[in-house]
Amino acid sequence: GFSYDDLFGSGRLLAFELKRIGFFEYCERKEVSLMGVCNGFQILTESGVFGEGVRLIANRGFGFTNRWVRLKGAGPLEGEEYTLSVRHGEGQLKRSESDWDEGVTPLLTYDDPDFDNGSVDRVAGLIAQRGRAKVVGLMPHPEVSMRLIDSPNALGPEFPQETRRRLMEPEFDGFRLMKALFGGPNDRKIQKE
């Protein structure tokens, strides 16, 4: 994530090093899927796996933000809705071309009227099909919204023991998103093409 203290730009040096050693080509050859969240997404964009002109830059109009946002599924997650946390200062997704490269598709878009970091088409995440493997990049953090108790609205004025147990079960939006992306054969997930 915060590789080399981000002194040369978020993810830039680690992306350069991974490209230099052929890491991404190796993963594609071995049909290994990759996922980068936040700084991991910055590393993936800097490496060019979503296209050479795709970059994450400083948020428009504000610096670092740490809040919950509403998101809509796009492409293979069309029709899904999520609430996830964003925690970034350089999360504005830009592309130099008018369209995404072949095999690259938006996966999540911001659907929150109180949040606009300037990302092209309000895109919050991308997926790239690379042979039989996929590469997923997300600015929102599914890993911090796995259980109902992780929701900013989970706790009410009363918090009895049975509520505590129910809220600890993994069924919140981050968990649903990860199951959709990487779940088992009977789960709703993005199928290999």
N, C-alpha and C. Protein backbone atom coordinates (compact mmCIF):
# COMPACT_ATOMS: atom_id res chain seq x y z
N GLY A 1 0.81 -1.19 0.00
CA GLY A 1 0.00 0.00 0.00
C GLY A 1 0.85 1.25 0.00
N PHE A 2 1.21 1.71 1.20
CA PHE A 2 2.03 2.94 1.29
C PHE A 2 3.48 2.57 1.06
N SER A 3 3.77 2.15 -0.14
CA SER A 3 5.12 1.71 -0.49
C SER A 3 6.06 2.89 -0.63
N TYR A 4 7.28 2.73 -0.15
CA TYR A 4 8.31 3.77 -0.26
C TYR A 4 7.81 5.11 0.29
N ASP A 5 6.94 5.06 1.29
CA ASP A 5 6.36 6.27 1.90
C ASP A 5 5.63 7.15 0.89
N ASP A 6 5.33 6.64 -0.29
CA ASP A 6 4.63 7.39 -1.33
C ASP A 6 5.35 8.69 -1.68
N LEU A 7 6.65 8.74 -1.48
CA LEU A 7 7.41 9.97 -1.71
C LEU A 7 7.40 10.40 -3.17
N PHE A 8 7.19 9.47 -4.08
CA PHE A 8 7.20 9.78 -5.51
C PHE A 8 5.82 9.67 -6.14
N GLY A 9 4.80 9.66 -5.32
CA GLY A 9 3.43 9.48 -5.79
C GLY A 9 2.91 8.13 -5.33
N SER A 10 1.64 8.09 -5.04
CA SER A 10 1.05 6.86 -4.47
C SER A 10 1.24 5.66 -5.38
N GLY A 11 1.94 4.66 -4.88
CA GLY A 11 2.12 3.40 -5.58
C GLY A 11 3.08 3.41 -6.74
N ARG A 12 3.64 4.54 -7.08
CA ARG A 12 4.44 4.66 -8.31
C ARG A 12 5.70 3.79 -8.30
N LEU A 13 6.50 3.84 -7.23
CA LEU A 13 7.75 3.07 -7.22
C LEU A 13 7.50 1.58 -7.13
N LEU A 14 6.54 1.16 -6.31
CA LEU A 14 6.25 -0.27 -6.23
C LEU A 14 5.71 -0.78 -7.57
N ALA A 15 4.87 -0.01 -8.23
CA ALA A 15 4.37 -0.41 -9.55
C ALA A 15 5.53 -0.57 -10.53
N PHE A 16 6.47 0.37 -10.51
CA PHE A 16 7.65 0.29 -11.38
C PHE A 16 8.44 -0.98 -11.09
N GLU A 17 8.65 -1.28 -9.82
CA GLU A 17 9.41 -2.47 -9.44
C GLU A 17 8.68 -3.75 -9.86
N LEU A 18 7.37 -3.81 -9.66
CA LEU A 18 6.62 -5.00 -10.05
C LEU A 18 6.61 -5.19 -11.56
N LYS A 19 6.54 -4.10 -12.30
CA LYS A 19 6.64 -4.20 -13.77
C LYS A 19 8.02 -4.66 -14.18
N ARG A 20 9.05 -4.13 -13.53
CA ARG A 20 10.44 -4.46 -13.86
C ARG A 20 10.71 -5.95 -13.72
N ILE A 21 10.14 -6.58 -12.69
CA ILE A 21 10.40 -8.01 -12.48
C ILE A 21 9.40 -8.90 -13.21
N GLY A 22 8.45 -8.31 -13.94
CA GLY A 22 7.49 -9.10 -14.72
C GLY A 22 6.37 -9.72 -13.89
N PHE A 23 6.05 -9.12 -12.74
CA PHE A 23 5.05 -9.67 -11.84
C PHE A 23 3.68 -9.81 -12.50
N PHE A 24 3.22 -8.79 -13.18
CA PHE A 24 1.87 -8.82 -13.77
C PHE A 24 1.78 -9.83 -14.91
N GLU A 25 2.81 -9.94 -15.71
CA GLU A 25 2.83 -10.94 -16.78
C GLU A 25 2.84 -12.35 -16.19
N TYR A 26 3.60 -12.54 -15.11
CA TYR A 26 3.65 -13.83 -14.43
C TYR A 26 2.26 -14.22 -13.92
N CYS A 27 1.58 -13.28 -13.26
CA CYS A 27 0.24 -13.55 -12.74
C CYS A 27 -0.72 -13.91 -13.86
N GLU A 28 -0.63 -13.19 -14.97
CA GLU A 28 -1.51 -13.49 -16.10
C GLU A 28 -1.22 -14.88 -16.67
N ARG A 29 0.07 -15.21 -16.81
CA ARG A 29 0.46 -16.53 -17.32
C ARG A 29 -0.05 -17.65 -16.41
N LYS A 30 0.02 -17.43 -15.10
CA LYS A 30 -0.40 -18.43 -14.12
C LYS A 30 -1.90 -18.35 -13.80
N GLU A 31 -2.61 -17.43 -14.47
CA GLU A 31 -4.05 -17.24 -14.29
C GLU A 31 -4.40 -16.89 -12.84
N VAL A 32 -3.61 -16.00 -12.25
CA VAL A 32 -3.81 -15.54 -10.89
C VAL A 32 -4.59 -14.23 -10.93
N SER A 33 -5.71 -14.18 -10.23
CA SER A 33 -6.46 -12.94 -10.14
C SER A 33 -5.86 -12.05 -9.06
N LEU A 34 -5.93 -10.75 -9.27
CA LEU A 34 -5.38 -9.77 -8.33
C LEU A 34 -6.47 -8.78 -7.92
N MET A 35 -6.33 -8.27 -6.70
CA MET A 35 -7.24 -7.23 -6.24
C MET A 35 -6.41 -6.21 -5.48
N GLY A 36 -6.62 -4.93 -5.83
CA GLY A 36 -5.95 -3.84 -5.13
C GLY A 36 -6.99 -2.88 -4.60
N VAL A 37 -6.94 -2.60 -3.30
CA VAL A 37 -7.87 -1.68 -2.66
C VAL A 37 -7.10 -0.43 -2.24
N CYS A 38 -7.63 0.72 -2.58
CA CYS A 38 -7.07 2.03 -2.20
C CYS A 38 -5.64 2.16 -2.73
N ASN A 39 -4.63 2.09 -1.86
CA ASN A 39 -3.26 2.20 -2.36
C ASN A 39 -2.91 1.05 -3.30
N GLY A 40 -3.52 -0.10 -3.09
CA GLY A 40 -3.32 -1.21 -4.02
C GLY A 40 -3.87 -0.89 -5.40
N PHE A 41 -5.00 -0.18 -5.45
CA PHE A 41 -5.57 0.28 -6.72
C PHE A 41 -4.63 1.29 -7.36
N GLN A 42 -4.02 2.15 -6.56
CA GLN A 42 -3.06 3.12 -7.10
C GLN A 42 -1.87 2.40 -7.72
N ILE A 43 -1.40 1.34 -7.09
CA ILE A 43 -0.30 0.55 -7.64
C ILE A 43 -0.71 -0.07 -8.97
N LEU A 44 -1.93 -0.63 -9.02
CA LEU A 44 -2.40 -1.25 -10.26
C LEU A 44 -2.54 -0.23 -11.39
N THR A 45 -3.05 0.97 -11.08
CA THR A 45 -3.18 1.97 -12.14
C THR A 45 -1.81 2.44 -12.59
N GLU A 46 -0.91 2.66 -11.67
CA GLU A 46 0.45 3.09 -12.03
C GLU A 46 1.19 2.04 -12.87
N SER A 47 0.82 0.77 -12.70
CA SER A 47 1.47 -0.30 -13.46
C SER A 47 0.91 -0.42 -14.87
N GLY A 48 -0.25 0.22 -15.12
CA GLY A 48 -0.83 0.18 -16.46
C GLY A 48 -1.77 -0.97 -16.73
N VAL A 49 -2.14 -1.76 -15.71
CA VAL A 49 -3.00 -2.92 -15.99
C VAL A 49 -4.41 -2.52 -16.43
N PHE A 50 -4.83 -1.29 -16.15
CA PHE A 50 -6.13 -0.82 -16.61
C PHE A 50 -6.01 0.09 -17.84
N GLY A 51 -4.81 0.19 -18.39
CA GLY A 51 -4.54 1.05 -19.54
C GLY A 51 -3.50 2.09 -19.14
N GLU A 52 -2.66 2.45 -20.08
CA GLU A 52 -1.57 3.37 -19.78
C GLU A 52 -2.03 4.77 -19.38
N GLY A 53 -3.21 5.19 -19.82
CA GLY A 53 -3.68 6.53 -19.50
C GLY A 53 -4.57 6.63 -18.28
N VAL A 54 -4.71 5.53 -17.53
CA VAL A 54 -5.57 5.52 -16.34
C VAL A 54 -4.74 5.83 -15.11
N ARG A 55 -5.17 6.85 -14.35
CA ARG A 55 -4.43 7.28 -13.17
C ARG A 55 -5.39 7.66 -12.05
N LEU A 56 -4.91 7.58 -10.82
CA LEU A 56 -5.60 8.10 -9.65
C LEU A 56 -4.83 9.32 -9.17
N ILE A 57 -5.52 10.45 -9.07
CA ILE A 57 -4.88 11.71 -8.68
C ILE A 57 -5.60 12.28 -7.46
N ALA A 58 -5.12 13.44 -6.99
CA ALA A 58 -5.70 14.08 -5.80
C ALA A 58 -7.19 14.37 -6.00
N ASN A 59 -7.95 14.15 -4.95
CA ASN A 59 -9.39 14.41 -4.98
C ASN A 59 -9.66 15.85 -5.40
N ARG A 60 -10.72 16.05 -6.13
CA ARG A 60 -11.12 17.39 -6.54
C ARG A 60 -11.83 18.08 -5.38
N GLY A 61 -11.38 19.26 -5.04
CA GLY A 61 -12.10 20.11 -4.09
C GLY A 61 -11.86 19.83 -2.62
N PHE A 62 -11.21 18.77 -2.27
CA PHE A 62 -10.93 18.49 -0.86
C PHE A 62 -9.73 17.57 -0.78
N GLY A 63 -9.13 17.49 0.39
CA GLY A 63 -7.97 16.62 0.58
C GLY A 63 -8.41 15.22 0.97
N PHE A 64 -7.74 14.68 1.95
CA PHE A 64 -8.04 13.34 2.43
C PHE A 64 -9.46 13.29 2.97
N THR A 65 -10.18 12.22 2.64
CA THR A 65 -11.53 12.02 3.16
C THR A 65 -11.65 10.63 3.77
N ASN A 66 -12.42 10.55 4.83
CA ASN A 66 -12.68 9.29 5.52
C ASN A 66 -14.16 9.28 5.85
N ARG A 67 -14.96 8.61 5.02
CA ARG A 67 -16.40 8.60 5.24
C ARG A 67 -17.03 7.39 4.54
N TRP A 68 -18.29 7.15 4.83
CA TRP A 68 -19.06 6.10 4.17
C TRP A 68 -19.76 6.69 2.96
N VAL A 69 -19.79 5.94 1.87
CA VAL A 69 -20.46 6.40 0.65
C VAL A 69 -21.35 5.31 0.10
N ARG A 70 -22.38 5.73 -0.60
CA ARG A 70 -23.25 4.79 -1.31
C ARG A 70 -22.68 4.56 -2.70
N LEU A 71 -22.76 3.32 -3.16
CA LEU A 71 -22.21 2.92 -4.45
C LEU A 71 -23.21 2.06 -5.20
N LYS A 72 -23.11 2.12 -6.52
CA LYS A 72 -23.90 1.24 -7.38
C LYS A 72 -22.95 0.31 -8.12
N GLY A 73 -23.41 -0.92 -8.29
CA GLY A 73 -22.66 -1.85 -9.11
C GLY A 73 -22.76 -1.45 -10.56
N ALA A 74 -21.70 -1.68 -11.31
CA ALA A 74 -21.67 -1.40 -12.75
C ALA A 74 -21.14 -2.64 -13.45
N GLY A 75 -21.32 -2.68 -14.76
CA GLY A 75 -20.82 -3.82 -15.53
C GLY A 75 -21.32 -5.13 -14.96
N PRO A 76 -20.42 -6.01 -14.55
CA PRO A 76 -20.83 -7.32 -14.05
C PRO A 76 -21.59 -7.28 -12.72
N LEU A 77 -21.55 -6.16 -12.01
CA LEU A 77 -22.30 -6.02 -10.75
C LEU A 77 -23.53 -5.15 -10.89
N GLU A 78 -23.96 -4.93 -12.13
CA GLU A 78 -25.11 -4.07 -12.43
C GLU A 78 -26.30 -4.46 -11.56
N GLY A 79 -26.95 -3.46 -10.98
CA GLY A 79 -28.14 -3.68 -10.16
C GLY A 79 -27.86 -3.84 -8.68
N GLU A 80 -26.61 -4.03 -8.30
CA GLU A 80 -26.25 -4.17 -6.88
C GLU A 80 -26.03 -2.79 -6.28
N GLU A 81 -26.25 -2.67 -4.97
CA GLU A 81 -25.99 -1.43 -4.24
C GLU A 81 -25.18 -1.76 -3.00
N TYR A 82 -24.25 -0.87 -2.66
CA TYR A 82 -23.36 -1.08 -1.53
C TYR A 82 -23.18 0.21 -0.75
N THR A 83 -22.85 0.08 0.52
CA THR A 83 -22.37 1.20 1.33
C THR A 83 -21.00 0.78 1.86
N LEU A 84 -19.97 1.51 1.46
CA LEU A 84 -18.60 1.18 1.84
C LEU A 84 -17.88 2.43 2.30
N SER A 85 -16.76 2.23 2.95
CA SER A 85 -15.95 3.33 3.45
C SER A 85 -14.94 3.76 2.39
N VAL A 86 -14.73 5.07 2.25
CA VAL A 86 -13.62 5.58 1.46
C VAL A 86 -12.68 6.30 2.40
N ARG A 87 -11.39 6.14 2.17
CA ARG A 87 -10.35 6.73 3.00
C ARG A 87 -9.17 7.07 2.10
N HIS A 88 -9.29 8.17 1.39
CA HIS A 88 -8.23 8.49 0.45
C HIS A 88 -8.11 9.99 0.20
N GLY A 89 -6.93 10.37 -0.25
CA GLY A 89 -6.66 11.74 -0.67
C GLY A 89 -6.38 11.81 -2.16
N GLU A 90 -6.00 10.67 -2.74
CA GLU A 90 -5.70 10.59 -4.17
C GLU A 90 -6.56 9.49 -4.78
N GLY A 91 -7.86 9.75 -4.87
CA GLY A 91 -8.78 8.74 -5.36
C GLY A 91 -9.57 9.15 -6.58
N GLN A 92 -9.22 10.28 -7.18
CA GLN A 92 -9.92 10.76 -8.37
C GLN A 92 -9.39 9.97 -9.58
N LEU A 93 -10.25 9.14 -10.16
CA LEU A 93 -9.87 8.29 -11.28
C LEU A 93 -9.97 9.08 -12.58
N LYS A 94 -8.89 9.08 -13.35
CA LYS A 94 -8.84 9.78 -14.64
C LYS A 94 -8.34 8.82 -15.71
N ARG A 95 -8.72 9.10 -16.95
CA ARG A 95 -8.18 8.35 -18.09
C ARG A 95 -7.88 9.34 -19.20
N SER A 96 -6.85 9.06 -19.97
CA SER A 96 -6.46 9.98 -21.03
C SER A 96 -7.25 9.75 -22.31
N GLU A 97 -7.78 8.56 -22.49
CA GLU A 97 -8.56 8.23 -23.68
C GLU A 97 -10.05 8.45 -23.40
N SER A 98 -10.85 8.48 -24.45
CA SER A 98 -12.28 8.72 -24.27
C SER A 98 -13.02 7.47 -23.80
N ASP A 99 -12.40 6.30 -23.91
CA ASP A 99 -13.03 5.06 -23.50
C ASP A 99 -12.02 4.20 -22.73
N TRP A 100 -12.53 3.19 -22.04
CA TRP A 100 -11.66 2.25 -21.34
C TRP A 100 -11.01 1.32 -22.34
N ASP A 101 -9.83 0.81 -22.02
CA ASP A 101 -9.17 -0.18 -22.86
C ASP A 101 -10.03 -1.44 -22.97
N GLU A 102 -9.78 -2.22 -24.01
CA GLU A 102 -10.51 -3.47 -24.20
C GLU A 102 -10.29 -4.37 -22.98
N GLY A 103 -11.37 -4.95 -22.48
CA GLY A 103 -11.29 -5.84 -21.32
C GLY A 103 -11.39 -5.13 -19.98
N VAL A 104 -11.42 -3.79 -19.98
CA VAL A 104 -11.54 -3.01 -18.74
C VAL A 104 -12.96 -2.48 -18.63
N THR A 105 -13.59 -2.69 -17.48
CA THR A 105 -14.98 -2.30 -17.27
C THR A 105 -15.13 -1.67 -15.89
N PRO A 106 -15.91 -0.59 -15.78
CA PRO A 106 -16.23 -0.09 -14.43
C PRO A 106 -16.96 -1.17 -13.63
N LEU A 107 -16.66 -1.22 -12.35
CA LEU A 107 -17.23 -2.23 -11.46
C LEU A 107 -18.15 -1.59 -10.42
N LEU A 108 -17.76 -0.41 -9.93
CA LEU A 108 -18.56 0.34 -8.96
C LEU A 108 -18.55 1.81 -9.34
N THR A 109 -19.66 2.49 -9.09
CA THR A 109 -19.71 3.94 -9.27
C THR A 109 -20.25 4.58 -7.99
N TYR A 110 -19.80 5.80 -7.73
CA TYR A 110 -20.31 6.55 -6.58
C TYR A 110 -21.74 6.96 -6.86
N ASP A 111 -22.62 6.70 -5.90
CA ASP A 111 -24.03 7.05 -6.03
C ASP A 111 -24.47 7.81 -4.77
N ASP A 112 -23.66 8.77 -4.41
CA ASP A 112 -23.87 9.52 -3.18
C ASP A 112 -23.85 11.01 -3.50
N PRO A 113 -24.98 11.70 -3.35
CA PRO A 113 -25.03 13.12 -3.71
C PRO A 113 -24.11 14.00 -2.87
N ASP A 114 -23.68 13.49 -1.70
CA ASP A 114 -22.79 14.26 -0.83
C ASP A 114 -21.32 13.96 -1.07
N PHE A 115 -21.02 13.13 -2.07
CA PHE A 115 -19.62 12.77 -2.32
C PHE A 115 -19.33 12.79 -3.82
N ASP A 116 -18.38 13.60 -4.22
CA ASP A 116 -17.91 13.64 -5.60
C ASP A 116 -16.44 14.03 -5.59
N ASN A 117 -15.57 13.06 -5.77
CA ASN A 117 -14.13 13.35 -5.76
C ASN A 117 -13.59 13.69 -7.14
N GLY A 118 -14.47 13.75 -8.15
CA GLY A 118 -14.06 14.13 -9.49
C GLY A 118 -13.73 12.97 -10.42
N SER A 119 -13.94 11.74 -9.98
CA SER A 119 -13.62 10.58 -10.82
C SER A 119 -14.43 10.59 -12.11
N VAL A 120 -13.79 10.21 -13.21
CA VAL A 120 -14.44 10.13 -14.50
C VAL A 120 -15.65 9.19 -14.39
N ASP A 121 -16.79 9.65 -14.86
CA ASP A 121 -18.04 8.88 -14.82
C ASP A 121 -18.39 8.39 -13.41
N ARG A 122 -17.83 9.04 -12.39
CA ARG A 122 -18.05 8.71 -10.97
C ARG A 122 -17.62 7.28 -10.64
N VAL A 123 -16.63 6.76 -11.39
CA VAL A 123 -16.17 5.38 -11.21
C VAL A 123 -15.36 5.26 -9.90
N ALA A 124 -15.72 4.23 -9.12
CA ALA A 124 -15.04 3.95 -7.85
C ALA A 124 -14.22 2.66 -7.91
N GLY A 125 -14.41 1.86 -8.96
CA GLY A 125 -13.68 0.61 -9.09
C GLY A 125 -13.71 0.10 -10.51
N LEU A 126 -12.68 -0.64 -10.89
CA LEU A 126 -12.56 -1.20 -12.24
C LEU A 126 -12.27 -2.69 -12.15
N ILE A 127 -12.61 -3.40 -13.21
CA ILE A 127 -12.21 -4.79 -13.36
C ILE A 127 -11.62 -4.95 -14.76
N ALA A 128 -10.52 -5.68 -14.84
CA ALA A 128 -9.88 -5.97 -16.13
C ALA A 128 -9.78 -7.48 -16.28
N GLN A 129 -10.27 -7.98 -17.39
CA GLN A 129 -10.14 -9.40 -17.68
C GLN A 129 -8.82 -9.60 -18.40
N ARG A 130 -7.96 -10.43 -17.84
CA ARG A 130 -6.65 -10.72 -18.42
C ARG A 130 -6.54 -12.22 -18.62
N GLY A 131 -6.94 -12.66 -19.81
CA GLY A 131 -6.99 -14.10 -20.06
C GLY A 131 -8.05 -14.70 -19.16
N ARG A 132 -7.68 -15.73 -18.42
CA ARG A 132 -8.63 -16.38 -17.49
C ARG A 132 -8.59 -15.76 -16.10
N ALA A 133 -7.75 -14.77 -15.91
CA ALA A 133 -7.64 -14.10 -14.61
C ALA A 133 -8.32 -12.73 -14.69
N LYS A 134 -8.60 -12.17 -13.55
CA LYS A 134 -9.17 -10.82 -13.49
C LYS A 134 -8.35 -9.98 -12.53
N VAL A 135 -8.35 -8.69 -12.80
CA VAL A 135 -7.69 -7.73 -11.93
C VAL A 135 -8.76 -6.75 -11.48
N VAL A 136 -8.93 -6.61 -10.17
CA VAL A 136 -9.94 -5.73 -9.59
C VAL A 136 -9.24 -4.61 -8.85
N GLY A 137 -9.67 -3.37 -9.09
CA GLY A 137 -9.15 -2.22 -8.37
C GLY A 137 -10.31 -1.43 -7.78
N LEU A 138 -10.24 -1.14 -6.48
CA LEU A 138 -11.32 -0.42 -5.78
C LEU A 138 -10.74 0.69 -4.92
N MET A 139 -11.36 1.86 -4.95
CA MET A 139 -11.02 2.89 -3.97
C MET A 139 -11.76 2.66 -2.66
N PRO A 140 -13.05 2.28 -2.65
CA PRO A 140 -13.72 1.97 -1.38
C PRO A 140 -13.11 0.72 -0.74
N HIS A 141 -13.28 0.62 0.56
CA HIS A 141 -12.68 -0.46 1.36
C HIS A 141 -13.71 -1.52 1.74
N PRO A 142 -13.81 -2.65 1.02
CA PRO A 142 -14.75 -3.69 1.43
C PRO A 142 -14.31 -4.38 2.73
N GLU A 143 -13.01 -4.40 2.99
CA GLU A 143 -12.50 -5.14 4.16
C GLU A 143 -12.90 -4.50 5.49
N VAL A 144 -13.33 -3.25 5.49
CA VAL A 144 -13.77 -2.63 6.74
C VAL A 144 -15.29 -2.54 6.82
N SER A 145 -15.96 -3.25 5.96
CA SER A 145 -17.43 -3.28 6.01
C SER A 145 -17.92 -4.69 5.71
N MET A 146 -17.35 -5.64 6.45
CA MET A 146 -17.68 -7.05 6.23
C MET A 146 -18.86 -7.51 7.08
N ARG A 147 -18.99 -6.95 8.28
CA ARG A 147 -20.03 -7.38 9.21
C ARG A 147 -21.04 -6.26 9.41
N LEU A 148 -22.24 -6.60 9.81
CA LEU A 148 -23.26 -5.58 10.05
C LEU A 148 -22.82 -4.56 11.08
N ILE A 149 -22.02 -4.98 12.06
CA ILE A 149 -21.59 -4.04 13.10
C ILE A 149 -20.63 -2.98 12.54
N ASP A 150 -20.05 -3.25 11.38
CA ASP A 150 -19.17 -2.28 10.73
C ASP A 150 -19.94 -1.11 10.13
N SER A 151 -21.24 -1.28 9.95
CA SER A 151 -22.06 -0.22 9.36
C SER A 151 -22.11 0.99 10.29
N PRO A 152 -22.04 2.18 9.74
CA PRO A 152 -22.11 3.37 10.59
C PRO A 152 -23.48 3.52 11.25
N ASN A 153 -24.49 2.82 10.76
CA ASN A 153 -25.84 2.91 11.31
C ASN A 153 -26.26 1.65 12.07
N ALA A 154 -25.31 0.78 12.42
CA ALA A 154 -25.65 -0.51 13.02
C ALA A 154 -26.18 -0.39 14.44
N LEU A 155 -25.63 0.48 15.23
CA LEU A 155 -25.97 0.53 16.64
C LEU A 155 -27.08 1.53 16.91
N GLY A 156 -28.08 1.07 17.61
CA GLY A 156 -29.15 1.96 18.05
C GLY A 156 -28.96 2.28 19.52
N PRO A 157 -29.98 2.84 20.15
CA PRO A 157 -29.86 3.19 21.56
C PRO A 157 -29.74 1.97 22.46
N GLU A 158 -30.27 0.82 22.03
CA GLU A 158 -30.17 -0.40 22.82
C GLU A 158 -29.26 -1.38 22.08
N PHE A 159 -28.50 -2.14 22.86
CA PHE A 159 -27.54 -3.06 22.26
C PHE A 159 -27.54 -4.38 23.03
N PRO A 160 -28.68 -5.12 22.99
CA PRO A 160 -28.76 -6.38 23.75
C PRO A 160 -27.84 -7.44 23.17
N GLN A 161 -27.59 -8.48 23.96
CA GLN A 161 -26.66 -9.55 23.59
C GLN A 161 -27.02 -10.20 22.26
N GLU A 162 -28.32 -10.49 22.01
CA GLU A 162 -28.69 -11.15 20.75
C GLU A 162 -28.43 -10.24 19.55
N THR A 163 -28.59 -8.93 19.74
CA THR A 163 -28.27 -7.99 18.67
C THR A 163 -26.77 -8.00 18.39
N ARG A 164 -25.97 -8.04 19.43
CA ARG A 164 -24.52 -8.06 19.27
C ARG A 164 -24.09 -9.27 18.45
N ARG A 165 -24.64 -10.45 18.77
CA ARG A 165 -24.29 -11.67 18.02
C ARG A 165 -24.68 -11.53 16.55
N ARG A 166 -25.90 -11.04 16.29
CA ARG A 166 -26.36 -10.90 14.91
C ARG A 166 -25.49 -9.91 14.13
N LEU A 167 -25.09 -8.83 14.78
CA LEU A 167 -24.29 -7.81 14.10
C LEU A 167 -22.87 -8.28 13.81
N MET A 168 -22.41 -9.32 14.48
CA MET A 168 -21.06 -9.84 14.25
C MET A 168 -21.00 -10.80 13.07
N GLU A 169 -22.16 -11.24 12.57
CA GLU A 169 -22.18 -12.16 11.44
C GLU A 169 -21.70 -11.46 10.17
N PRO A 170 -20.90 -12.16 9.34
CA PRO A 170 -20.42 -11.55 8.09
C PRO A 170 -21.51 -11.52 7.03
N GLU A 171 -22.16 -10.39 6.89
CA GLU A 171 -23.19 -10.28 5.86
C GLU A 171 -23.39 -8.85 5.40
N PHE A 172 -22.49 -7.95 5.76
CA PHE A 172 -22.63 -6.57 5.34
C PHE A 172 -22.07 -6.40 3.93
N ASP A 173 -22.09 -5.18 3.42
CA ASP A 173 -21.84 -4.92 2.00
C ASP A 173 -20.45 -5.32 1.51
N GLY A 174 -19.43 -5.15 2.33
CA GLY A 174 -18.09 -5.57 1.91
C GLY A 174 -18.02 -7.07 1.70
N PHE A 175 -18.68 -7.80 2.59
CA PHE A 175 -18.74 -9.26 2.47
C PHE A 175 -19.52 -9.67 1.22
N ARG A 176 -20.66 -9.02 0.99
CA ARG A 176 -21.45 -9.32 -0.21
C ARG A 176 -20.66 -9.04 -1.48
N LEU A 177 -19.91 -7.93 -1.49
CA LEU A 177 -19.10 -7.59 -2.66
C LEU A 177 -18.02 -8.63 -2.90
N MET A 178 -17.32 -9.04 -1.85
CA MET A 178 -16.26 -10.03 -2.01
C MET A 178 -16.83 -11.38 -2.46
N LYS A 179 -18.00 -11.76 -1.95
CA LYS A 179 -18.63 -13.00 -2.41
C LYS A 179 -19.01 -12.90 -3.88
N ALA A 180 -19.51 -11.73 -4.30
CA ALA A 180 -19.87 -11.56 -5.71
C ALA A 180 -18.65 -11.66 -6.61
N LEU A 181 -17.52 -11.17 -6.13
CA LEU A 181 -16.30 -11.19 -6.94
C LEU A 181 -15.58 -12.53 -6.91
N PHE A 182 -15.49 -13.15 -5.72
CA PHE A 182 -14.62 -14.32 -5.56
C PHE A 182 -15.28 -15.49 -4.86
N GLY A 183 -16.64 -15.50 -4.76
CA GLY A 183 -17.36 -16.54 -4.03
C GLY A 183 -17.26 -17.91 -4.67
N GLY A 184 -17.91 -18.88 -4.03
CA GLY A 184 -17.92 -20.27 -4.50
C GLY A 184 -18.82 -20.46 -5.69
N PRO A 185 -18.90 -21.69 -6.23
CA PRO A 185 -19.65 -21.96 -7.46
C PRO A 185 -21.15 -21.72 -7.34
N ASN A 186 -21.71 -21.78 -6.13
CA ASN A 186 -23.15 -21.57 -5.96
C ASN A 186 -23.49 -20.13 -5.61
N ASP A 187 -22.49 -19.29 -5.45
CA ASP A 187 -22.70 -17.89 -5.12
C ASP A 187 -22.81 -17.06 -6.38
N ARG A 188 -23.50 -15.89 -6.27
CA ARG A 188 -23.53 -14.94 -7.38
C ARG A 188 -22.14 -14.34 -7.46
N LYS A 189 -21.45 -14.56 -8.55
CA LYS A 189 -20.12 -13.99 -8.72
C LYS A 189 -19.89 -13.73 -10.19
N ILE A 190 -18.84 -13.00 -10.45
CA ILE A 190 -18.48 -12.69 -11.83
C ILE A 190 -17.81 -13.92 -12.42
N GLN A 191 -18.39 -14.50 -13.44
CA GLN A 191 -17.86 -15.70 -14.06
C GLN A 191 -16.70 -15.37 -14.99
N LYS A 192 -15.78 -16.30 -15.09
CA LYS A 192 -14.68 -16.15 -16.06
C LYS A 192 -15.26 -16.20 -17.46
N GLU A 193 -14.69 -15.41 -18.33
CA GLU A 193 -15.18 -15.39 -19.71
C GLU A 193 -14.42 -16.39 -20.55
